[in-house]
């Protein structure tokens, strides 16, 4: 009896939360006003070097993201001139929950709810999108965990390197995950990470398909030949392709 009540209550809560987040995302993608994106830095390894990098951050760090979105929006004739305004939030001392290794549906639902609850407890500023940037010293960390984002809740968990040499690639990953929160989907093979044709190519229509000159932001990499693709150094080497533009309601 009590089990049925708990399950029914959980279903009601899920329905209410889903309805609220669906309406919130619809409002966000009407593109009438700029979306406020708050980035919260987090020291992922507890090192003094990582902390020094965080202390050096300012909002100018993310101007590249604003410029990229503004530049790309012009090509789709958006009414809003500045699609996003990126704000640097205060540093958080607690790291968000890590994504589950098991890709099962129940684990994904549990993680989504847990991450949204964690975000609610650490919410410090008004925002349309919340991005949590967990940073590591590249001198002691060779490989970063996979970044993730939730369209339900409009928040992202981004892993990056605490070195200004990686500012461009950090912003690329942050923008990729930010677009996930708005409904954009990955456009690369999850096994090889190679961009999918045509949706994951920046210029799928050119006569000489390879090598590509830029990365489609959700394709994640610049295809060099039929089997190899490399990460761009910055958003200057990226575009928002037509498939992604349609998903985030830049094309209707």
C-alpha atoms as a PDB file:
ATOM      1  CA  UNK A   1       0.000   0.000   0.000  1.00  0.00           C
ATOM      2  CA  UNK A   2       2.674   2.494   1.075  1.00  0.00           C
ATOM      3  CA  UNK A   3       4.819   1.500  -1.897  1.00  0.00           C
ATOM      4  CA  UNK A   4       1.971   2.354  -4.281  1.00  0.00           C
ATOM      5  CA  UNK A   5       1.513   5.711  -2.558  1.00  0.00           C
ATOM      6  CA  UNK A   6       5.231   6.508  -2.854  1.00  0.00           C
ATOM      7  CA  UNK A   7       5.309   5.535  -6.521  1.00  0.00           C
ATOM      8  CA  UNK A   8       2.175   7.576  -7.251  1.00  0.00           C
ATOM      9  CA  UNK A   9       3.604  10.584  -5.424  1.00  0.00           C
ATOM     10  CA  UNK A  10       6.882  10.292  -7.339  1.00  0.00           C
ATOM     11  CA  UNK A  11       5.012  10.133 -10.654  1.00  0.00           C
ATOM     12  CA  UNK A  12       2.999  13.241  -9.752  1.00  0.00           C
ATOM     13  CA  UNK A  13       6.198  15.114  -8.827  1.00  0.00           C
ATOM     14  CA  UNK A  14       7.853  14.020 -12.065  1.00  0.00           C
ATOM     15  CA  UNK A  15       4.858  15.196 -14.098  1.00  0.00           C
ATOM     16  CA  UNK A  16       4.837  18.591 -12.390  1.00  0.00           C
ATOM     17  CA  UNK A  17       8.596  19.058 -12.771  1.00  0.00           C
ATOM     18  CA  UNK A  18       8.504  17.951 -16.404  1.00  0.00           C
ATOM     19  CA  UNK A  19       5.681  20.377 -17.203  1.00  0.00           C
ATOM     20  CA  UNK A  20       7.501  23.261 -15.552  1.00  0.00           C
ATOM     21  CA  UNK A  21      10.815  22.565 -17.290  1.00  0.00           C
ATOM     22  CA  UNK A  22       9.100  22.077 -20.657  1.00  0.00           C
ATOM     23  CA  UNK A  23       7.450  25.485 -20.394  1.00  0.00           C
ATOM     24  CA  UNK A  24      10.713  27.034 -19.240  1.00  0.00           C
ATOM     25  CA  UNK A  25      12.572  25.673 -22.251  1.00  0.00           C
ATOM     26  CA  UNK A  26       9.821  26.851 -24.622  1.00  0.00           C
ATOM     27  CA  UNK A  27      10.169  30.350 -23.204  1.00  0.00           C
ATOM     28  CA  UNK A  28      13.968  30.200 -23.436  1.00  0.00           C
ATOM     29  CA  UNK A  29      13.924  29.276 -27.121  1.00  0.00           C
ATOM     30  CA  UNK A  30      11.566  32.000 -28.242  1.00  0.00           C
ATOM     31  CA  UNK A  31      14.732  34.145 -28.568  1.00  0.00           C
ATOM     32  CA  UNK A  32      13.022  37.413 -27.745  1.00  0.00           C
ATOM     33  CA  UNK A  33      15.426  38.400 -24.969  1.00  0.00           C
ATOM     34  CA  UNK A  34      19.010  37.371 -24.146  1.00  0.00           C
ATOM     35  CA  UNK A  35      19.375  34.271 -21.991  1.00  0.00           C
ATOM     36  CA  UNK A  36      21.292  34.786 -18.762  1.00  0.00           C
ATOM     37  CA  UNK A  37      23.931  32.073 -18.420  1.00  0.00           C
ATOM     38  CA  UNK A  38      25.678  31.816 -15.048  1.00  0.00           C
ATOM     39  CA  UNK A  39      28.980  29.908 -14.882  1.00  0.00           C
ATOM     40  CA  UNK A  40      30.034  28.599 -11.461  1.00  0.00           C
ATOM     41  CA  UNK A  41      33.721  27.560 -11.213  1.00  0.00           C
ATOM     42  CA  UNK A  42      34.663  24.633  -8.974  1.00  0.00           C
ATOM     43  CA  UNK A  43      38.120  23.444  -7.930  1.00  0.00           C
ATOM     44  CA  UNK A  44      38.004  19.826  -9.059  1.00  0.00           C
ATOM     45  CA  UNK A  45      41.324  18.608  -7.682  1.00  0.00           C
ATOM     46  CA  UNK A  46      41.824  20.892  -4.683  1.00  0.00           C
ATOM     47  CA  UNK A  47      45.216  22.079  -5.935  1.00  0.00           C
ATOM     48  CA  UNK A  48      46.594  25.550  -5.251  1.00  0.00           C
ATOM     49  CA  UNK A  49      47.438  25.919  -8.957  1.00  0.00           C
ATOM     50  CA  UNK A  50      43.822  25.261  -9.895  1.00  0.00           C
ATOM     51  CA  UNK A  51      42.675  27.767  -7.297  1.00  0.00           C
ATOM     52  CA  UNK A  52      45.075  30.380  -8.669  1.00  0.00           C
ATOM     53  CA  UNK A  53      43.519  29.909 -12.108  1.00  0.00           C
ATOM     54  CA  UNK A  54      39.996  30.282 -10.696  1.00  0.00           C
ATOM     55  CA  UNK A  55      41.057  33.427  -8.847  1.00  0.00           C
ATOM     56  CA  UNK A  56      42.263  34.879 -12.142  1.00  0.00           C
ATOM     57  CA  UNK A  57      38.929  34.381 -13.909  1.00  0.00           C
ATOM     58  CA  UNK A  58      36.729  37.307 -14.858  1.00  0.00           C
ATOM     59  CA  UNK A  59      33.636  37.666 -17.006  1.00  0.00           C
ATOM     60  CA  UNK A  60      35.842  38.580 -19.965  1.00  0.00           C
ATOM     61  CA  UNK A  61      36.830  34.914 -19.888  1.00  0.00           C
ATOM     62  CA  UNK A  62      33.492  34.058 -21.507  1.00  0.00           C
ATOM     63  CA  UNK A  63      33.199  36.951 -23.965  1.00  0.00           C
ATOM     64  CA  UNK A  64      34.173  34.468 -26.659  1.00  0.00           C
ATOM     65  CA  UNK A  65      30.962  32.511 -25.992  1.00  0.00           C
ATOM     66  CA  UNK A  66      28.828  35.644 -26.329  1.00  0.00           C
ATOM     67  CA  UNK A  67      30.613  36.689 -29.525  1.00  0.00           C
ATOM     68  CA  UNK A  68      30.227  33.225 -31.028  1.00  0.00           C
ATOM     69  CA  UNK A  69      26.500  33.067 -30.324  1.00  0.00           C
ATOM     70  CA  UNK A  70      25.985  36.609 -31.615  1.00  0.00           C
ATOM     71  CA  UNK A  71      27.982  35.912 -34.779  1.00  0.00           C
ATOM     72  CA  UNK A  72      26.128  32.675 -35.492  1.00  0.00           C
ATOM     73  CA  UNK A  73      22.707  34.187 -34.755  1.00  0.00           C
ATOM     74  CA  UNK A  74      23.206  36.819 -37.454  1.00  0.00           C
ATOM     75  CA  UNK A  75      23.370  34.082 -40.055  1.00  0.00           C
ATOM     76  CA  UNK A  76      19.908  32.873 -39.016  1.00  0.00           C
ATOM     77  CA  UNK A  77      18.414  36.400 -38.802  1.00  0.00           C
ATOM     78  CA  UNK A  78      17.359  36.205 -35.169  1.00  0.00           C
ATOM     79  CA  UNK A  79      15.400  39.134 -33.774  1.00  0.00           C
ATOM     80  CA  UNK A  80      17.514  39.224 -30.617  1.00  0.00           C
ATOM     81  CA  UNK A  81      20.935  40.739 -31.296  1.00  0.00           C
ATOM     82  CA  UNK A  82      22.638  39.142 -28.295  1.00  0.00           C
ATOM     83  CA  UNK A  83      21.342  35.598 -27.707  1.00  0.00           C
ATOM     84  CA  UNK A  84      23.204  34.983 -24.417  1.00  0.00           C
ATOM     85  CA  UNK A  85      24.787  36.993 -21.645  1.00  0.00           C
ATOM     86  CA  UNK A  86      27.365  34.967 -19.749  1.00  0.00           C
ATOM     87  CA  UNK A  87      27.939  35.887 -16.098  1.00  0.00           C
ATOM     88  CA  UNK A  88      30.648  34.524 -13.797  1.00  0.00           C
ATOM     89  CA  UNK A  89      29.050  33.235 -10.609  1.00  0.00           C
ATOM     90  CA  UNK A  90      30.776  32.771  -7.295  1.00  0.00           C
ATOM     91  CA  UNK A  91      33.029  29.777  -6.776  1.00  0.00           C
ATOM     92  CA  UNK A  92      31.343  26.718  -5.297  1.00  0.00           C
ATOM     93  CA  UNK A  93      33.121  24.553  -2.727  1.00  0.00           C
ATOM     94  CA  UNK A  94      31.119  21.387  -3.363  1.00  0.00           C
ATOM     95  CA  UNK A  95      31.399  19.445  -6.602  1.00  0.00           C
ATOM     96  CA  UNK A  96      28.163  18.331  -8.274  1.00  0.00           C
ATOM     97  CA  UNK A  97      27.281  14.634  -8.456  1.00  0.00           C
ATOM     98  CA  UNK A  98      29.184  12.761 -11.161  1.00  0.00           C
ATOM     99  CA  UNK A  99      27.164  11.226 -14.016  1.00  0.00           C
ATOM    100  CA  UNK A 100      26.411   7.513 -13.600  1.00  0.00           C
ATOM    101  CA  UNK A 101      28.636   5.049 -15.434  1.00  0.00           C
ATOM    102  CA  UNK A 102      25.651   2.788 -16.006  1.00  0.00           C
ATOM    103  CA  UNK A 103      23.653   4.184 -18.911  1.00  0.00           C
ATOM    104  CA  UNK A 104      20.343   2.641 -17.833  1.00  0.00           C
ATOM    105  CA  UNK A 105      17.132   4.651 -17.955  1.00  0.00           C
ATOM    106  CA  UNK A 106      16.508   4.504 -14.192  1.00  0.00           C
ATOM    107  CA  UNK A 107      20.051   5.655 -13.447  1.00  0.00           C
ATOM    108  CA  UNK A 108      19.625   8.535 -15.895  1.00  0.00           C
ATOM    109  CA  UNK A 109      16.340   9.616 -14.296  1.00  0.00           C
ATOM    110  CA  UNK A 110      17.855   9.366 -10.826  1.00  0.00           C
ATOM    111  CA  UNK A 111      20.875  11.399 -11.859  1.00  0.00           C
ATOM    112  CA  UNK A 112      18.720  14.054 -13.515  1.00  0.00           C
ATOM    113  CA  UNK A 113      16.631  14.517 -10.384  1.00  0.00           C
ATOM    114  CA  UNK A 114      19.685  14.423  -8.111  1.00  0.00           C
ATOM    115  CA  UNK A 115      21.591  16.948 -10.198  1.00  0.00           C
ATOM    116  CA  UNK A 116      18.643  19.321 -10.355  1.00  0.00           C
ATOM    117  CA  UNK A 117      18.187  19.087  -6.581  1.00  0.00           C
ATOM    118  CA  UNK A 118      21.909  19.742  -6.064  1.00  0.00           C
ATOM    119  CA  UNK A 119      21.697  22.758  -8.385  1.00  0.00           C
ATOM    120  CA  UNK A 120      18.691  24.093  -6.494  1.00  0.00           C
ATOM    121  CA  UNK A 121      20.613  23.931  -3.206  1.00  0.00           C
ATOM    122  CA  UNK A 122      23.546  25.832  -4.725  1.00  0.00           C
ATOM    123  CA  UNK A 123      21.518  28.369  -6.680  1.00  0.00           C
ATOM    124  CA  UNK A 124      22.939  31.812  -5.870  1.00  0.00           C
ATOM    125  CA  UNK A 125      21.925  33.997  -8.798  1.00  0.00           C
ATOM    126  CA  UNK A 126      18.967  34.322 -11.154  1.00  0.00           C
ATOM    127  CA  UNK A 127      19.706  32.465 -14.375  1.00  0.00           C
ATOM    128  CA  UNK A 128      18.084  30.907 -17.401  1.00  0.00           C
ATOM    129  CA  UNK A 129      20.948  28.420 -17.729  1.00  0.00           C
ATOM    130  CA  UNK A 130      23.395  27.289 -15.051  1.00  0.00           C
ATOM    131  CA  UNK A 131      26.777  25.864 -16.005  1.00  0.00           C
ATOM    132  CA  UNK A 132      29.063  24.250 -13.438  1.00  0.00           C
ATOM    133  CA  UNK A 133      32.703  24.392 -14.573  1.00  0.00           C
ATOM    134  CA  UNK A 134      34.831  21.842 -12.708  1.00  0.00           C
ATOM    135  CA  UNK A 135      38.512  22.556 -13.271  1.00  0.00           C
ATOM    136  CA  UNK A 136      41.679  20.464 -13.009  1.00  0.00           C
ATOM    137  CA  UNK A 137      45.393  21.249 -13.267  1.00  0.00           C
ATOM    138  CA  UNK A 138      46.520  19.838 -16.660  1.00  0.00           C
ATOM    139  CA  UNK A 139      49.945  19.147 -15.186  1.00  0.00           C
ATOM    140  CA  UNK A 140      48.398  16.462 -12.986  1.00  0.00           C
ATOM    141  CA  UNK A 141      45.340  15.390 -15.006  1.00  0.00           C
ATOM    142  CA  UNK A 142      45.705  13.916 -18.477  1.00  0.00           C
ATOM    143  CA  UNK A 143      42.098  13.002 -19.190  1.00  0.00           C
ATOM    144  CA  UNK A 144      38.904  14.767 -18.177  1.00  0.00           C
ATOM    145  CA  UNK A 145      35.558  13.095 -17.464  1.00  0.00           C
ATOM    146  CA  UNK A 146      32.819  13.522 -20.042  1.00  0.00           C
ATOM    147  CA  UNK A 147      30.848  16.730 -19.657  1.00  0.00           C
ATOM    148  CA  UNK A 148      27.048  16.473 -19.534  1.00  0.00           C
ATOM    149  CA  UNK A 149      24.008  18.728 -19.700  1.00  0.00           C
ATOM    150  CA  UNK A 150      20.325  18.480 -18.862  1.00  0.00           C
ATOM    151  CA  UNK A 151      17.677  20.127 -20.999  1.00  0.00           C
ATOM    152  CA  UNK A 152      15.251  19.427 -18.137  1.00  0.00           C
ATOM    153  CA  UNK A 153      16.502  21.899 -15.600  1.00  0.00           C
ATOM    154  CA  UNK A 154      18.659  23.760 -18.150  1.00  0.00           C
ATOM    155  CA  UNK A 155      21.973  23.129 -16.455  1.00  0.00           C
ATOM    156  CA  UNK A 156      25.311  21.715 -17.504  1.00  0.00           C
ATOM    157  CA  UNK A 157      28.327  20.078 -15.888  1.00  0.00           C
ATOM    158  CA  UNK A 158      31.536  20.961 -17.744  1.00  0.00           C
ATOM    159  CA  UNK A 159      35.007  19.594 -17.028  1.00  0.00           C
ATOM    160  CA  UNK A 160      37.922  21.777 -18.065  1.00  0.00           C
ATOM    161  CA  UNK A 161      41.625  22.443 -17.579  1.00  0.00           C
ATOM    162  CA  UNK A 162      42.784  25.160 -15.183  1.00  0.00           C
ATOM    163  CA  UNK A 163      45.250  26.822 -17.533  1.00  0.00           C
ATOM    164  CA  UNK A 164      44.683  29.834 -19.763  1.00  0.00           C
ATOM    165  CA  UNK A 165      46.225  27.869 -22.632  1.00  0.00           C
ATOM    166  CA  UNK A 166      42.978  25.866 -22.607  1.00  0.00           C
ATOM    167  CA  UNK A 167      40.563  28.810 -22.384  1.00  0.00           C
ATOM    168  CA  UNK A 168      39.450  28.346 -25.987  1.00  0.00           C
ATOM    169  CA  UNK A 169      38.769  24.617 -25.719  1.00  0.00           C
ATOM    170  CA  UNK A 170      37.047  25.106 -22.349  1.00  0.00           C
ATOM    171  CA  UNK A 171      34.707  27.632 -23.945  1.00  0.00           C
ATOM    172  CA  UNK A 172      34.056  25.285 -26.854  1.00  0.00           C
ATOM    173  CA  UNK A 173      32.961  22.478 -24.512  1.00  0.00           C
ATOM    174  CA  UNK A 174      30.945  24.894 -22.356  1.00  0.00           C
ATOM    175  CA  UNK A 175      29.068  26.174 -25.424  1.00  0.00           C
ATOM    176  CA  UNK A 176      28.460  22.635 -26.666  1.00  0.00           C
ATOM    177  CA  UNK A 177      26.903  21.675 -23.329  1.00  0.00           C
ATOM    178  CA  UNK A 178      24.998  24.971 -23.075  1.00  0.00           C
ATOM    179  CA  UNK A 179      23.330  24.192 -26.411  1.00  0.00           C
ATOM    180  CA  UNK A 180      22.356  20.775 -25.064  1.00  0.00           C
ATOM    181  CA  UNK A 181      20.300  22.551 -22.402  1.00  0.00           C
ATOM    182  CA  UNK A 182      18.374  24.241 -25.218  1.00  0.00           C
ATOM    183  CA  UNK A 183      17.541  21.016 -27.005  1.00  0.00           C
ATOM    184  CA  UNK A 184      20.528  20.474 -29.308  1.00  0.00           C
ATOM    185  CA  UNK A 185      21.660  16.859 -29.726  1.00  0.00           C
ATOM    186  CA  UNK A 186      25.095  15.332 -30.237  1.00  0.00           C
ATOM    187  CA  UNK A 187      26.080  14.856 -33.864  1.00  0.00           C
ATOM    188  CA  UNK A 188      29.023  12.490 -33.583  1.00  0.00           C
ATOM    189  CA  UNK A 189      29.544   8.752 -33.281  1.00  0.00           C
ATOM    190  CA  UNK A 190      29.623   7.956 -29.525  1.00  0.00           C
ATOM    191  CA  UNK A 191      32.202   5.211 -30.071  1.00  0.00           C
ATOM    192  CA  UNK A 192      34.687   6.970 -32.368  1.00  0.00           C
ATOM    193  CA  UNK A 193      33.756  10.608 -31.633  1.00  0.00           C
ATOM    194  CA  UNK A 194      33.853  11.187 -35.402  1.00  0.00           C
ATOM    195  CA  UNK A 195      31.265  13.757 -36.597  1.00  0.00           C
ATOM    196  CA  UNK A 196      28.213  12.306 -38.331  1.00  0.00           C
ATOM    197  CA  UNK A 197      27.577  13.329 -41.917  1.00  0.00           C
ATOM    198  CA  UNK A 198      25.819  15.562 -42.804  1.00  0.00           C
ATOM    199  CA  UNK A 199      24.498  16.949 -39.488  1.00  0.00           C
ATOM    200  CA  UNK A 200      27.877  16.977 -37.734  1.00  0.00           C
ATOM    201  CA  UNK A 201      29.776  18.690 -40.542  1.00  0.00           C
ATOM    202  CA  UNK A 202      30.206  22.470 -40.640  1.00  0.00           C
ATOM    203  CA  UNK A 203      30.094  22.522 -44.461  1.00  0.00           C
ATOM    204  CA  UNK A 204      28.420  19.318 -45.641  1.00  0.00           C
ATOM    205  CA  UNK A 205      27.540  20.790 -49.048  1.00  0.00           C
ATOM    206  CA  UNK A 206      31.055  21.592 -50.350  1.00  0.00           C
ATOM    207  CA  UNK A 207      32.288  19.589 -53.349  1.00  0.00           C
ATOM    208  CA  UNK A 208      35.485  18.492 -51.590  1.00  0.00           C
ATOM    209  CA  UNK A 209      34.038  17.232 -48.329  1.00  0.00           C
ATOM    210  CA  UNK A 210      37.340  16.573 -46.553  1.00  0.00           C
ATOM    211  CA  UNK A 211      39.149  18.112 -44.874  1.00  0.00           C
ATOM    212  CA  UNK A 212      36.594  20.413 -43.269  1.00  0.00           C
ATOM    213  CA  UNK A 213      37.722  23.883 -42.228  1.00  0.00           C
ATOM    214  CA  UNK A 214      35.649  24.152 -39.050  1.00  0.00           C
ATOM    215  CA  UNK A 215      33.701  22.092 -36.530  1.00  0.00           C
ATOM    216  CA  UNK A 216      29.941  21.972 -36.255  1.00  0.00           C
ATOM    217  CA  UNK A 217      29.505  22.802 -32.581  1.00  0.00           C
ATOM    218  CA  UNK A 218      27.491  19.662 -31.772  1.00  0.00           C
ATOM    219  CA  UNK A 219      29.651  17.528 -34.071  1.00  0.00           C
ATOM    220  CA  UNK A 220      32.444  18.360 -31.662  1.00  0.00           C
ATOM    221  CA  UNK A 221      35.443  17.965 -33.963  1.00  0.00           C
ATOM    222  CA  UNK A 222      36.887  19.089 -37.288  1.00  0.00           C
ATOM    223  CA  UNK A 223      36.972  16.132 -39.716  1.00  0.00           C
ATOM    224  CA  UNK A 224      40.401  15.858 -41.349  1.00  0.00           C
ATOM    225  CA  UNK A 225      39.944  12.669 -43.349  1.00  0.00           C
ATOM    226  CA  UNK A 226      37.503   9.765 -43.365  1.00  0.00           C
ATOM    227  CA  UNK A 227      38.728   8.423 -40.020  1.00  0.00           C
ATOM    228  CA  UNK A 228      40.319  11.295 -38.127  1.00  0.00           C
ATOM    229  CA  UNK A 229      38.975  14.497 -36.597  1.00  0.00           C
ATOM    230  CA  UNK A 230      40.488  16.901 -34.088  1.00  0.00           C
ATOM    231  CA  UNK A 231      39.194  19.206 -31.387  1.00  0.00           C
ATOM    232  CA  UNK A 232      39.154  22.903 -32.314  1.00  0.00           C
ATOM    233  CA  UNK A 233      41.293  25.270 -30.292  1.00  0.00           C
ATOM    234  CA  UNK A 234      38.510  27.807 -29.863  1.00  0.00           C
ATOM    235  CA  UNK A 235      35.041  28.841 -30.971  1.00  0.00           C
ATOM    236  CA  UNK A 236      36.638  30.709 -33.885  1.00  0.00           C
ATOM    237  CA  UNK A 237      36.878  27.276 -35.493  1.00  0.00           C
ATOM    238  CA  UNK A 238      33.207  26.402 -34.953  1.00  0.00           C
ATOM    239  CA  UNK A 239      29.779  27.051 -36.440  1.00  0.00           C
ATOM    240  CA  UNK A 240      26.177  26.266 -35.572  1.00  0.00           C
ATOM    241  CA  UNK A 241      24.908  24.174 -38.471  1.00  0.00           C
ATOM    242  CA  UNK A 242      21.379  24.052 -39.811  1.00  0.00           C
ATOM    243  CA  UNK A 243      20.390  20.869 -37.965  1.00  0.00           C
ATOM    244  CA  UNK A 244      21.435  22.326 -34.605  1.00  0.00           C
ATOM    245  CA  UNK A 245      19.852  25.683 -35.449  1.00  0.00           C
ATOM    246  CA  UNK A 246      16.528  23.931 -36.055  1.00  0.00           C
ATOM    247  CA  UNK A 247      16.762  22.080 -32.720  1.00  0.00           C
ATOM    248  CA  UNK A 248      17.279  25.288 -30.737  1.00  0.00           C
ATOM    249  CA  UNK A 249      14.494  27.036 -32.711  1.00  0.00           C
ATOM    250  CA  UNK A 250      16.701  29.341 -34.730  1.00  0.00           C
ATOM    251  CA  UNK A 251      14.977  27.851 -37.798  1.00  0.00           C
ATOM    252  CA  UNK A 252      11.222  27.352 -37.591  1.00  0.00           C
END
